[in-house]
Amino acid sequence: MIHNSLYAFYFITTLLLFLVKGKKTFNSSTTIAILMSLWLAFSRFLVEINDSLRIAALFGAPMVLIGVYFIASSVNFYEFRELLLKHLNRISIITILTWFIHETFFPYSFTYGSTIFFLVFHKWGDRMASLWWEPGMYQIIMIFILMLFMDELKKISFSNLRYYIKKFGWVIACLIMCRSTMGYMCLIAMIGLVFLFNDSLGKKKFLYFLGLVLGVVLIILILRSDVVVQKIGEDENTRSGSYRIRMQDNIALLNMSFVSPILGIGENSRLTEKYGVIYNNITASNGWLKLAVRSGWPFLICFILIMLKGLSRMKLGVPAVMAFIPLFLSYSNEHYILYPIALIYLFKYKSYKKVGG
């Protein structure tokens, strides 16, 4: 009931934004939003009608998807990404502050924190989760927002390093401190893209070589960190066998996706419960495969192709296929792929005029 109310509130507010933001024209994104929403509702309906039909459940995901379309078609892309980063920076500062207070003054408090304040920002104790309850979800938020700025990040050099630290430093610090293995892998992928497409480094070969060495050193340090070693180690008792569980989830979700490969078997339905038990699906921790299970492989394939088109429109200075790599890795870790953060890459924005340009 709470979720349904939130969906309704979100949908109404985004609709109002859409209506008050000037003249509207139908375009390819309008068609995509309608067709994707109808597919989500229809595929869910076919599952629910033979189960326990919940009308409200049919409209949750479509309302979120259309809501993001309303936002994108109402705002300038560059202004939108700056606003997202601005708020994420504020959240990052508060998150690091609460982590410091918690570790300094309440190091032996129970995992969920000693106050509601710590509960909100530190569900996993020494692994920062901020507002998103789990470090794996936190890294998704940060990676998906940072990738919006790849055209800026690829211009980094020693001469403008101070500007980049000021603009992105808090977020990158939180990305490292949240101790998410997948977050580390995505950061490595982003660093690779930055060095591969960085024009200033390419013109100065010794700087390119130095940057490459520093990148390799950072990768080694990350891969040798306690959180990574414990997760990929063979001891199933460490981190509750996180690596083993996620690999099992991938296999289980892949098998479940072929039960009904065209329309899927829904979410939290009788069928997902049944086949989740049969294939030993524990946490459904791969967003892409979970989407195939939920709504079928055609929907997943279209979702990815539309996202690639969205990346091309953003002109991030990196081929869309390569820019997609960190995003793909990021959501291979959690299954909440129909959250707004992923959908912001799907639709055409009202304009792509540079801020101040």
Protein backbone atom coordinates (compact mmCIF):
# COMPACT_ATOMS: atom_id res chain seq x y z
CA MET A 1 0.00 0.00 0.00
CA ILE A 2 2.84 2.41 0.85
CA HIS A 3 4.62 1.58 -2.40
CA ASN A 4 1.44 2.19 -4.40
CA SER A 5 0.97 5.58 -2.75
CA LEU A 6 4.56 6.53 -3.50
CA TYR A 7 4.17 5.46 -7.12
CA ALA A 8 1.03 7.57 -7.44
CA PHE A 9 2.69 10.60 -5.81
CA TYR A 10 5.74 10.24 -8.05
CA PHE A 11 3.61 9.90 -11.17
CA ILE A 12 1.46 12.94 -10.36
CA THR A 13 4.45 15.19 -9.56
CA THR A 14 6.30 14.22 -12.73
CA LEU A 15 3.11 14.73 -14.76
CA LEU A 16 2.75 18.23 -13.34
CA LEU A 17 6.37 18.96 -14.25
CA PHE A 18 5.69 17.72 -17.76
CA LEU A 19 2.57 19.88 -18.14
CA VAL A 20 4.05 23.15 -16.87
CA LYS A 21 7.37 22.99 -18.76
CA GLY A 22 6.36 24.55 -22.06
CA LYS A 23 5.16 23.20 -25.38
CA LYS A 24 5.16 19.43 -25.82
CA THR A 25 5.75 17.44 -28.99
CA PHE A 26 5.47 13.72 -29.51
CA ASN A 27 8.69 11.98 -30.54
CA SER A 28 10.27 8.54 -30.55
CA SER A 29 10.65 8.62 -26.75
CA THR A 30 6.90 9.08 -26.39
CA THR A 31 6.28 5.94 -28.42
CA ILE A 32 8.97 4.05 -26.48
CA ALA A 33 7.53 5.07 -23.11
CA ILE A 34 4.02 3.99 -24.12
CA LEU A 35 5.06 0.67 -25.66
CA MET A 36 7.40 -0.27 -22.81
CA SER A 37 4.76 0.59 -20.23
CA LEU A 38 2.12 -1.44 -22.04
CA TRP A 39 4.50 -4.40 -22.28
CA LEU A 40 5.28 -4.23 -18.55
CA ALA A 41 1.60 -4.04 -17.62
CA PHE A 42 0.47 -6.70 -20.10
CA SER A 43 3.15 -9.25 -19.23
CA ARG A 44 2.44 -8.72 -15.55
CA PHE A 45 -1.30 -9.08 -16.18
CA LEU A 46 -0.88 -12.46 -17.87
CA VAL A 47 0.95 -13.76 -14.83
CA GLU A 48 -1.31 -12.19 -12.23
CA ILE A 49 -4.58 -13.25 -13.85
CA ASN A 50 -3.75 -16.89 -13.15
CA ASP A 51 -2.46 -16.05 -9.70
CA SER A 52 -3.98 -13.43 -7.43
CA LEU A 53 -4.68 -10.43 -9.63
CA ARG A 54 -3.45 -7.24 -7.99
CA ILE A 55 -4.49 -4.31 -10.14
CA ALA A 56 -2.19 -1.87 -8.32
CA ALA A 57 0.83 -4.09 -9.06
CA LEU A 58 0.24 -3.71 -12.79
CA PHE A 59 0.89 0.02 -12.77
CA GLY A 60 3.86 0.48 -10.42
CA ALA A 61 6.69 -0.02 -12.92
CA PRO A 62 4.84 1.69 -15.83
CA MET A 63 4.20 4.77 -13.67
CA VAL A 64 7.90 5.00 -12.78
CA LEU A 65 8.93 4.56 -16.42
CA ILE A 66 6.48 7.16 -17.77
CA GLY A 67 7.40 9.46 -14.89
CA VAL A 68 11.06 9.43 -15.98
CA TYR A 69 9.91 10.13 -19.54
CA PHE A 70 7.97 13.16 -18.24
CA ILE A 71 11.11 14.43 -16.48
CA ALA A 72 13.48 13.87 -19.41
CA SER A 73 11.17 15.52 -21.93
CA SER A 74 10.79 18.55 -19.66
CA VAL A 75 14.41 19.41 -18.80
CA ASN A 76 17.76 20.22 -20.39
CA PHE A 77 20.13 17.25 -20.19
CA TYR A 78 23.14 19.25 -18.97
CA GLU A 79 21.15 21.12 -16.34
CA PHE A 80 19.60 17.86 -15.19
CA ARG A 81 22.93 16.07 -14.72
CA GLU A 82 24.40 19.04 -12.85
CA LEU A 83 21.41 19.02 -10.50
CA LEU A 84 21.78 15.29 -9.89
CA LEU A 85 25.48 15.66 -9.12
CA LYS A 86 24.84 18.63 -6.85
CA HIS A 87 22.45 16.65 -4.67
CA LEU A 88 24.61 13.53 -4.76
CA ASN A 89 27.56 15.61 -3.55
CA ARG A 90 25.51 16.87 -0.61
CA ILE A 91 24.43 13.34 0.25
CA SER A 92 28.05 12.16 -0.08
CA ILE A 93 29.32 14.79 2.34
CA ILE A 94 26.66 13.88 4.91
CA THR A 95 27.38 10.18 4.39
CA ILE A 96 31.11 10.58 5.03
CA LEU A 97 30.40 12.78 8.05
CA THR A 98 28.08 10.21 9.60
CA TRP A 99 30.59 7.46 8.86
CA PHE A 100 33.32 9.45 10.63
CA ILE A 101 31.09 10.12 13.67
CA HIS A 102 29.99 6.50 13.80
CA GLU A 103 33.51 5.06 13.56
CA THR A 104 34.97 7.61 15.98
CA PHE A 105 32.35 7.70 18.72
CA PHE A 106 30.25 4.54 18.25
CA PRO A 107 32.69 1.93 16.87
CA TYR A 108 31.17 -0.91 18.87
CA SER A 109 27.50 -0.12 18.34
CA PHE A 110 25.32 -2.75 16.70
CA THR A 111 25.39 -3.03 12.91
CA TYR A 112 22.30 -0.95 12.23
CA GLY A 113 23.76 2.04 14.03
CA SER A 114 23.05 3.43 17.48
CA THR A 115 20.50 5.99 16.29
CA ILE A 116 18.03 6.49 13.47
CA PHE A 117 20.59 8.89 12.01
CA PHE A 118 23.09 6.07 11.55
CA LEU A 119 20.36 3.66 10.47
CA VAL A 120 19.59 5.86 7.48
CA PHE A 121 23.19 6.19 6.35
CA HIS A 122 24.90 3.04 7.64
CA LYS A 123 22.87 -0.12 7.30
CA TRP A 124 26.05 -2.13 6.83
CA GLY A 125 28.17 -0.55 9.57
CA ASP A 126 31.68 0.08 8.25
CA ARG A 127 30.48 -0.32 4.63
CA MET A 128 28.68 2.85 3.67
CA ALA A 129 25.24 2.46 2.14
CA SER A 130 24.01 6.04 2.57
CA LEU A 131 20.29 6.36 1.74
CA TRP A 132 20.17 3.19 -0.35
CA TRP A 133 20.31 0.50 2.41
CA GLU A 134 22.98 -1.61 0.64
CA PRO A 135 26.46 -0.70 -0.66
CA GLY A 136 25.75 -2.48 -3.95
CA MET A 137 22.79 -0.17 -4.60
CA TYR A 138 24.77 2.87 -3.48
CA GLN A 139 27.46 2.20 -6.09
CA ILE A 140 24.78 1.98 -8.79
CA ILE A 141 23.55 5.48 -7.94
CA MET A 142 27.08 6.88 -8.05
CA ILE A 143 28.20 5.06 -11.22
CA PHE A 144 25.07 5.97 -13.17
CA ILE A 145 25.41 9.65 -12.27
CA LEU A 146 29.18 9.81 -12.81
CA MET A 147 28.79 8.26 -16.26
CA LEU A 148 26.62 11.22 -17.28
CA PHE A 149 29.83 13.28 -17.04
CA MET A 150 32.16 11.06 -19.06
CA ASP A 151 32.62 13.87 -21.62
CA GLU A 152 34.06 15.99 -18.80
CA LEU A 153 35.94 13.21 -17.03
CA LYS A 154 37.82 12.30 -20.22
CA LYS A 155 39.31 15.80 -20.28
CA ILE A 156 41.03 15.44 -16.92
CA SER A 157 44.70 16.43 -16.77
CA PHE A 158 47.22 17.49 -14.15
CA SER A 159 46.51 21.16 -14.85
CA ASN A 160 42.79 20.92 -14.04
CA LEU A 161 42.99 18.23 -11.37
CA ARG A 162 41.85 20.62 -8.63
CA TYR A 163 38.60 21.34 -10.49
CA TYR A 164 37.84 17.63 -10.83
CA ILE A 165 38.58 16.90 -7.19
CA LYS A 166 36.23 19.70 -6.16
CA LYS A 167 33.46 18.57 -8.50
CA PHE A 168 33.68 14.78 -8.24
CA GLY A 169 35.92 14.11 -5.23
CA TRP A 170 33.20 13.50 -2.64
CA VAL A 171 31.32 11.06 -4.83
CA ILE A 172 34.43 9.11 -5.82
CA ALA A 173 35.53 9.00 -2.18
CA CYS A 174 32.16 7.49 -1.22
CA LEU A 175 32.39 5.05 -4.13
CA ILE A 176 35.69 3.78 -2.74
CA MET A 177 34.59 3.84 0.90
CA CYS A 178 31.32 1.98 0.36
CA ARG A 179 33.51 -1.09 -0.28
CA SER A 180 31.37 -2.58 -3.01
CA THR A 181 33.33 -5.05 -5.14
CA MET A 182 31.19 -4.30 -8.19
CA GLY A 183 31.61 -0.58 -7.52
CA TYR A 184 35.38 -1.10 -7.66
CA MET A 185 35.08 -2.98 -10.97
CA CYS A 186 32.94 -0.19 -12.44
CA LEU A 187 35.42 2.44 -11.22
CA ILE A 188 38.24 0.51 -12.90
CA ALA A 189 36.21 0.40 -16.13
CA MET A 190 35.59 4.15 -15.96
CA ILE A 191 39.27 4.86 -15.34
CA GLY A 192 40.07 2.73 -18.37
CA LEU A 193 37.67 4.79 -20.52
CA VAL A 194 39.13 8.05 -19.21
CA PHE A 195 42.68 7.07 -20.14
CA LEU A 196 41.68 5.45 -23.42
CA PHE A 197 39.81 8.53 -24.72
CA ASN A 198 41.71 11.32 -22.93
CA ASP A 199 43.00 13.72 -25.61
CA SER A 200 45.41 15.62 -23.36
CA LEU A 201 47.13 12.47 -22.19
CA GLY A 202 47.30 11.17 -25.74
CA LYS A 203 49.25 14.25 -26.86
CA LYS A 204 51.79 13.82 -24.06
CA LYS A 205 52.95 10.24 -24.20
CA PHE A 206 54.87 10.33 -20.91
CA LEU A 207 51.76 11.54 -19.07
CA TYR A 208 49.77 8.75 -20.66
CA PHE A 209 52.35 6.24 -19.48
CA LEU A 210 52.40 7.74 -15.98
CA GLY A 211 48.62 7.73 -15.82
CA LEU A 212 48.54 4.13 -16.99
CA VAL A 213 51.01 3.12 -14.27
CA LEU A 214 48.96 4.93 -11.62
CA GLY A 215 45.81 3.24 -12.93
CA VAL A 216 47.42 -0.20 -12.70
CA VAL A 217 48.61 0.53 -9.16
CA LEU A 218 45.08 1.60 -8.18
CA ILE A 219 43.62 -1.56 -9.71
CA ILE A 220 46.10 -3.73 -7.78
CA LEU A 221 45.31 -1.93 -4.52
CA ILE A 222 41.57 -2.37 -5.08
CA LEU A 223 41.86 -6.04 -5.99
CA ARG A 224 44.03 -6.67 -2.92
CA SER A 225 41.65 -4.87 -0.56
CA ASP A 226 40.06 -6.90 2.22
CA VAL A 227 36.53 -6.61 0.86
CA VAL A 228 37.50 -7.95 -2.59
CA VAL A 229 39.75 -10.71 -1.27
CA GLN A 230 37.08 -11.90 1.16
CA LYS A 231 34.33 -11.87 -1.46
CA ILE A 232 36.18 -13.82 -4.13
CA GLY A 233 37.92 -16.14 -1.70
CA GLU A 234 36.92 -19.78 -1.43
CA ASP A 235 35.85 -19.52 2.21
CA GLU A 236 32.04 -19.59 2.09
CA ASN A 237 31.83 -18.21 5.62
CA THR A 238 33.31 -14.83 4.68
CA ARG A 239 30.79 -12.18 3.67
CA SER A 240 28.12 -14.89 3.90
CA GLY A 241 29.55 -16.48 0.75
CA SER A 242 28.72 -13.36 -1.28
CA TYR A 243 30.56 -14.44 -4.43
CA ARG A 244 29.07 -17.94 -4.29
CA ILE A 245 25.55 -16.57 -3.76
CA ARG A 246 25.76 -14.13 -6.68
CA MET A 247 27.10 -16.76 -9.06
CA GLN A 248 24.30 -19.09 -7.97
CA ASP A 249 21.82 -16.28 -8.59
CA ASN A 250 23.13 -15.74 -12.12
CA ILE A 251 22.66 -19.41 -12.98
CA ALA A 252 19.24 -19.54 -11.32
CA LEU A 253 17.98 -16.38 -13.04
CA LEU A 254 19.25 -17.59 -16.41
CA ASN A 255 17.32 -20.84 -16.00
CA MET A 256 14.22 -18.98 -14.80
CA SER A 257 14.36 -16.61 -17.78
CA PHE A 258 13.77 -19.53 -20.15
CA VAL A 259 10.63 -20.70 -18.37
CA SER A 260 8.75 -18.00 -20.30
CA PRO A 261 11.38 -16.28 -22.49
CA ILE A 262 8.95 -14.05 -24.41
CA LEU A 263 6.75 -12.45 -21.72
CA GLY A 264 8.50 -13.48 -18.51
CA ILE A 265 7.01 -14.83 -15.29
CA GLY A 266 6.43 -11.58 -13.41
CA GLU A 267 7.83 -10.38 -10.12
CA ASN A 268 6.95 -11.71 -6.66
CA SER A 269 4.39 -13.96 -8.30
CA ARG A 270 3.48 -17.58 -7.74
CA LEU A 271 5.69 -18.56 -10.67
CA THR A 272 8.76 -16.63 -9.49
CA GLU A 273 8.40 -18.19 -6.05
CA LYS A 274 7.98 -21.67 -7.54
CA TYR A 275 10.92 -21.52 -9.94
CA GLY A 276 13.03 -19.55 -7.49
CA VAL A 277 12.86 -22.57 -5.19
CA ILE A 278 13.43 -25.04 -8.03
CA TYR A 279 16.55 -23.26 -9.31
CA ASN A 280 17.76 -22.08 -5.90
CA ASN A 281 17.54 -18.36 -6.58
CA ILE A 282 18.68 -16.67 -3.36
CA THR A 283 18.79 -12.89 -3.83
CA ALA A 284 18.11 -12.31 -7.58
CA SER A 285 21.23 -10.16 -7.62
CA ASN A 286 21.58 -9.54 -11.38
CA GLY A 287 19.36 -6.73 -12.62
CA TRP A 288 19.63 -7.61 -16.31
CA LEU A 289 18.74 -11.26 -15.86
CA LYS A 290 16.03 -10.33 -13.37
CA LEU A 291 14.47 -8.10 -16.05
CA ALA A 292 14.49 -11.03 -18.50
CA VAL A 293 12.81 -13.20 -15.85
CA ARG A 294 10.25 -10.54 -15.11
CA SER A 295 9.29 -9.32 -18.60
CA GLY A 296 11.02 -11.59 -21.11
CA TRP A 297 14.12 -11.45 -23.30
CA PRO A 298 12.60 -9.21 -26.02
CA PHE A 299 11.95 -6.54 -23.41
CA LEU A 300 15.50 -6.82 -22.03
CA ILE A 301 17.06 -6.63 -25.50
CA CYS A 302 14.95 -3.58 -26.40
CA PHE A 303 15.79 -2.00 -23.04
CA ILE A 304 19.53 -2.30 -23.73
CA LEU A 305 19.25 -1.09 -27.34
CA ILE A 306 17.23 1.95 -26.25
CA MET A 307 19.78 2.69 -23.53
CA LEU A 308 22.57 2.55 -26.11
CA LYS A 309 20.61 5.02 -28.26
CA GLY A 310 20.21 7.28 -25.24
CA LEU A 311 23.96 7.16 -24.59
CA SER A 312 24.59 8.17 -28.21
CA ARG A 313 22.30 11.21 -27.87
CA MET A 314 24.20 12.35 -24.77
CA LYS A 315 27.44 12.71 -26.79
CA LEU A 316 29.70 11.69 -23.92
CA GLY A 317 32.80 11.51 -26.11
CA VAL A 318 32.95 7.72 -25.76
CA PRO A 319 31.33 5.15 -28.08
CA ALA A 320 27.95 4.20 -26.65
CA VAL A 321 28.85 0.50 -26.49
CA MET A 322 31.93 1.23 -24.40
CA ALA A 323 30.13 3.77 -22.19
CA PHE A 324 27.58 1.04 -21.53
CA ILE A 325 30.21 -1.29 -19.99
CA PRO A 326 30.36 0.36 -16.51
CA LEU A 327 26.55 0.64 -16.48
CA PHE A 328 26.20 -3.02 -17.41
CA LEU A 329 28.63 -4.12 -14.71
CA SER A 330 26.99 -1.88 -12.11
CA TYR A 331 23.53 -3.41 -12.49
CA SER A 332 24.90 -6.94 -12.61
CA ASN A 333 25.06 -6.60 -8.83
CA GLU A 334 21.50 -5.65 -7.79
CA HIS A 335 18.09 -6.47 -9.25
CA TYR A 336 16.24 -3.15 -8.90
CA ILE A 337 16.81 -2.25 -12.56
CA LEU A 338 13.47 -0.49 -13.13
CA TYR A 339 14.38 2.21 -10.62
CA PRO A 340 14.53 5.76 -12.07
CA ILE A 341 18.36 5.87 -11.97
CA ALA A 342 18.61 3.38 -14.86
CA LEU A 343 15.69 4.85 -16.78
CA ILE A 344 17.31 8.30 -17.12
CA TYR A 345 19.38 6.83 -19.96
CA LEU A 346 16.39 5.73 -22.02
CA PHE A 347 14.61 8.85 -23.15
CA LYS A 348 15.31 11.93 -25.22
CA TYR A 349 15.69 15.08 -23.13
CA LYS A 350 13.95 18.33 -23.94
CA SER A 351 17.25 19.80 -25.17
CA TYR A 352 20.95 19.02 -25.27
CA LYS A 353 22.20 22.59 -25.30
CA LYS A 354 25.31 23.10 -23.16
CA VAL A 355 24.68 25.04 -19.98
CA GLY A 356 25.89 28.56 -20.65
CA GLY A 357 26.51 27.63 -24.28
